[in-house]
C-alpha atoms as a PDB file:
ATOM      1  CA  UNK A   1      -1.842   1.359   7.643  1.00  0.00           C
ATOM      2  CA  UNK A   2      -3.310   3.747   5.121  1.00  0.00           C
ATOM      3  CA  UNK A   3      -2.272   6.840   7.051  1.00  0.00           C
ATOM      4  CA  UNK A   4       1.179   5.415   7.758  1.00  0.00           C
ATOM      5  CA  UNK A   5       1.856   4.681   4.098  1.00  0.00           C
ATOM      6  CA  UNK A   6       0.528   8.001   2.843  1.00  0.00           C
ATOM      7  CA  UNK A   7       2.449  10.039   5.417  1.00  0.00           C
ATOM      8  CA  UNK A   8       5.625   7.962   5.106  1.00  0.00           C
ATOM      9  CA  UNK A   9       6.009   8.947   1.457  1.00  0.00           C
ATOM     10  CA  UNK A  10       5.158  12.624   2.004  1.00  0.00           C
ATOM     11  CA  UNK A  11       7.790  15.270   1.435  1.00  0.00           C
ATOM     12  CA  UNK A  12       8.480  18.061   3.917  1.00  0.00           C
ATOM     13  CA  UNK A  13       5.432  19.956   2.625  1.00  0.00           C
ATOM     14  CA  UNK A  14       3.074  16.988   2.911  1.00  0.00           C
ATOM     15  CA  UNK A  15       2.970  16.089  -0.798  1.00  0.00           C
ATOM     16  CA  UNK A  16       3.173  12.545  -2.127  1.00  0.00           C
ATOM     17  CA  UNK A  17       3.528  11.254  -5.648  1.00  0.00           C
ATOM     18  CA  UNK A  18       0.949   8.815  -6.985  1.00  0.00           C
ATOM     19  CA  UNK A  19       2.698   5.483  -7.458  1.00  0.00           C
ATOM     20  CA  UNK A  20       1.001   4.853 -10.790  1.00  0.00           C
ATOM     21  CA  UNK A  21       0.585   8.192 -12.584  1.00  0.00           C
ATOM     22  CA  UNK A  22       3.067  10.430 -10.792  1.00  0.00           C
ATOM     23  CA  UNK A  23       0.738  13.308  -9.977  1.00  0.00           C
ATOM     24  CA  UNK A  24       1.439  15.109  -6.703  1.00  0.00           C
ATOM     25  CA  UNK A  25      -1.184  15.657  -4.029  1.00  0.00           C
ATOM     26  CA  UNK A  26      -1.266  16.262  -0.296  1.00  0.00           C
ATOM     27  CA  UNK A  27      -0.934  13.022   1.665  1.00  0.00           C
ATOM     28  CA  UNK A  28      -4.456  13.334   3.056  1.00  0.00           C
ATOM     29  CA  UNK A  29      -5.962  13.722  -0.439  1.00  0.00           C
ATOM     30  CA  UNK A  30      -4.739  10.356  -1.754  1.00  0.00           C
ATOM     31  CA  UNK A  31      -5.514   6.704  -1.089  1.00  0.00           C
ATOM     32  CA  UNK A  32      -3.290   3.845  -0.053  1.00  0.00           C
ATOM     33  CA  UNK A  33      -3.416   1.549  -3.060  1.00  0.00           C
ATOM     34  CA  UNK A  34      -2.546  -2.149  -3.011  1.00  0.00           C
ATOM     35  CA  UNK A  35      -0.440  -3.599  -5.802  1.00  0.00           C
ATOM     36  CA  UNK A  36      -2.025  -7.029  -5.455  1.00  0.00           C
ATOM     37  CA  UNK A  37      -5.710  -7.453  -4.707  1.00  0.00           C
ATOM     38  CA  UNK A  38      -6.969  -9.379  -1.735  1.00  0.00           C
ATOM     39  CA  UNK A  39      -8.792  -7.719   1.114  1.00  0.00           C
ATOM     40  CA  UNK A  40      -8.809 -10.716   3.435  1.00  0.00           C
ATOM     41  CA  UNK A  41      -5.390 -12.188   3.031  1.00  0.00           C
ATOM     42  CA  UNK A  42      -1.707 -11.786   3.636  1.00  0.00           C
ATOM     43  CA  UNK A  43      -1.213  -8.822   1.281  1.00  0.00           C
ATOM     44  CA  UNK A  44      -3.692  -6.498   2.989  1.00  0.00           C
ATOM     45  CA  UNK A  45      -1.044  -5.298   5.461  1.00  0.00           C
ATOM     46  CA  UNK A  46       2.130  -6.032   3.475  1.00  0.00           C
ATOM     47  CA  UNK A  47       3.647  -2.570   3.571  1.00  0.00           C
ATOM     48  CA  UNK A  48       5.820  -3.033   0.481  1.00  0.00           C
ATOM     49  CA  UNK A  49       2.668  -3.539  -1.614  1.00  0.00           C
ATOM     50  CA  UNK A  50       0.859  -0.458  -0.341  1.00  0.00           C
ATOM     51  CA  UNK A  51       1.716   2.848  -1.980  1.00  0.00           C
ATOM     52  CA  UNK A  52       0.160   6.305  -2.222  1.00  0.00           C
ATOM     53  CA  UNK A  53      -2.254   6.471  -5.120  1.00  0.00           C
ATOM     54  CA  UNK A  54      -4.416   9.336  -6.320  1.00  0.00           C
ATOM     55  CA  UNK A  55      -8.131   8.747  -6.153  1.00  0.00           C
ATOM     56  CA  UNK A  56      -8.582   8.547  -9.925  1.00  0.00           C
ATOM     57  CA  UNK A  57      -5.935   5.821 -10.261  1.00  0.00           C
ATOM     58  CA  UNK A  58      -7.057   3.840  -7.228  1.00  0.00           C
ATOM     59  CA  UNK A  59     -10.777   4.205  -7.844  1.00  0.00           C
ATOM     60  CA  UNK A  60     -11.939   5.339 -11.248  1.00  0.00           C
ATOM     61  CA  UNK A  61      -9.080   3.610 -13.082  1.00  0.00           C
ATOM     62  CA  UNK A  62      -9.481   0.372 -11.124  1.00  0.00           C
ATOM     63  CA  UNK A  63      -6.191   0.499  -9.259  1.00  0.00           C
ATOM     64  CA  UNK A  64      -4.016   0.759 -12.369  1.00  0.00           C
ATOM     65  CA  UNK A  65      -2.735  -2.737 -11.549  1.00  0.00           C
ATOM     66  CA  UNK A  66      -0.651  -3.106 -14.703  1.00  0.00           C
ATOM     67  CA  UNK A  67       1.377   0.049 -14.025  1.00  0.00           C
ATOM     68  CA  UNK A  68       1.431  -0.715 -10.293  1.00  0.00           C
ATOM     69  CA  UNK A  69       2.953  -4.155 -10.949  1.00  0.00           C
ATOM     70  CA  UNK A  70       5.486  -2.746 -13.416  1.00  0.00           C
ATOM     71  CA  UNK A  71       6.599  -0.267 -10.767  1.00  0.00           C
ATOM     72  CA  UNK A  72       6.731  -2.955  -8.060  1.00  0.00           C
ATOM     73  CA  UNK A  73       8.856  -5.186 -10.302  1.00  0.00           C
ATOM     74  CA  UNK A  74      11.249  -2.301 -10.963  1.00  0.00           C
ATOM     75  CA  UNK A  75      11.442  -1.534  -7.243  1.00  0.00           C
ATOM     76  CA  UNK A  76      11.613  -5.047  -5.744  1.00  0.00           C
ATOM     77  CA  UNK A  77      12.299  -7.409  -8.650  1.00  0.00           C
ATOM     78  CA  UNK A  78      10.006  -9.708 -10.574  1.00  0.00           C
ATOM     79  CA  UNK A  79      10.687 -12.778  -8.431  1.00  0.00           C
ATOM     80  CA  UNK A  80       9.746 -10.997  -5.196  1.00  0.00           C
ATOM     81  CA  UNK A  81       6.516  -9.666  -6.678  1.00  0.00           C
ATOM     82  CA  UNK A  82       5.738 -13.117  -8.054  1.00  0.00           C
ATOM     83  CA  UNK A  83       6.235 -14.608  -4.567  1.00  0.00           C
ATOM     84  CA  UNK A  84       3.847 -12.028  -3.082  1.00  0.00           C
ATOM     85  CA  UNK A  85       1.257 -12.858  -5.740  1.00  0.00           C
ATOM     86  CA  UNK A  86       1.512 -16.567  -4.856  1.00  0.00           C
ATOM     87  CA  UNK A  87       1.095 -15.783  -1.152  1.00  0.00           C
ATOM     88  CA  UNK A  88      -1.940 -13.636  -1.938  1.00  0.00           C
ATOM     89  CA  UNK A  89      -3.817 -16.712  -3.151  1.00  0.00           C
ATOM     90  CA  UNK A  90      -3.309 -18.635   0.096  1.00  0.00           C
ATOM     91  CA  UNK A  91      -5.780 -18.417   2.971  1.00  0.00           C
ATOM     92  CA  UNK A  92      -4.495 -16.228   5.779  1.00  0.00           C
ATOM     93  CA  UNK A  93      -6.125 -15.827   9.179  1.00  0.00           C
ATOM     94  CA  UNK A  94      -5.515 -13.253  11.864  1.00  0.00           C
ATOM     95  CA  UNK A  95      -6.999 -13.294  15.317  1.00  0.00           C
ATOM     96  CA  UNK A  96      -8.557 -10.338  17.077  1.00  0.00           C
ATOM     97  CA  UNK A  97      -5.414 -10.158  19.237  1.00  0.00           C
ATOM     98  CA  UNK A  98      -3.293 -10.008  16.057  1.00  0.00           C
ATOM     99  CA  UNK A  99      -5.290  -7.014  14.827  1.00  0.00           C
ATOM    100  CA  UNK A 100      -5.126  -5.257  18.190  1.00  0.00           C
ATOM    101  CA  UNK A 101      -1.336  -5.641  18.243  1.00  0.00           C
ATOM    102  CA  UNK A 102      -1.072  -4.502  14.629  1.00  0.00           C
ATOM    103  CA  UNK A 103      -3.155  -1.383  15.276  1.00  0.00           C
ATOM    104  CA  UNK A 104      -0.981  -0.474  18.261  1.00  0.00           C
ATOM    105  CA  UNK A 105       2.205  -0.927  16.248  1.00  0.00           C
ATOM    106  CA  UNK A 106       0.900   1.096  13.305  1.00  0.00           C
ATOM    107  CA  UNK A 107      -0.371   3.901  15.549  1.00  0.00           C
ATOM    108  CA  UNK A 108       3.022   4.133  17.246  1.00  0.00           C
ATOM    109  CA  UNK A 109       4.723   4.394  13.866  1.00  0.00           C
ATOM    110  CA  UNK A 110       2.298   7.098  12.708  1.00  0.00           C
ATOM    111  CA  UNK A 111       2.903   9.000  15.935  1.00  0.00           C
ATOM    112  CA  UNK A 112       6.647   8.893  15.211  1.00  0.00           C
ATOM    113  CA  UNK A 113       6.241  10.556  11.814  1.00  0.00           C
END
């Protein structure tokens, strides 16, 4: 998912813009930041919430959640982001088969880029 998101937003020269600060870096020099925290739930693979983020924003600056959420609200609307945040608090289980299928789908999409 990380590679897909970072490459999907890359321009023809391989550069992406950090979703939170706007700096430009090569796609393989940035992270895939999540707009809503939650490593084990529904939002982990919600593509709309995952954007290219420079390492300082995603790491040293703690994800820049405030700016990330402002940008998400501008892009998708407050109500949609609010719905995602509600879903993020609910338990969400995937099976091993779910992950295997997801990896295959994501790899196919990366291969198409």
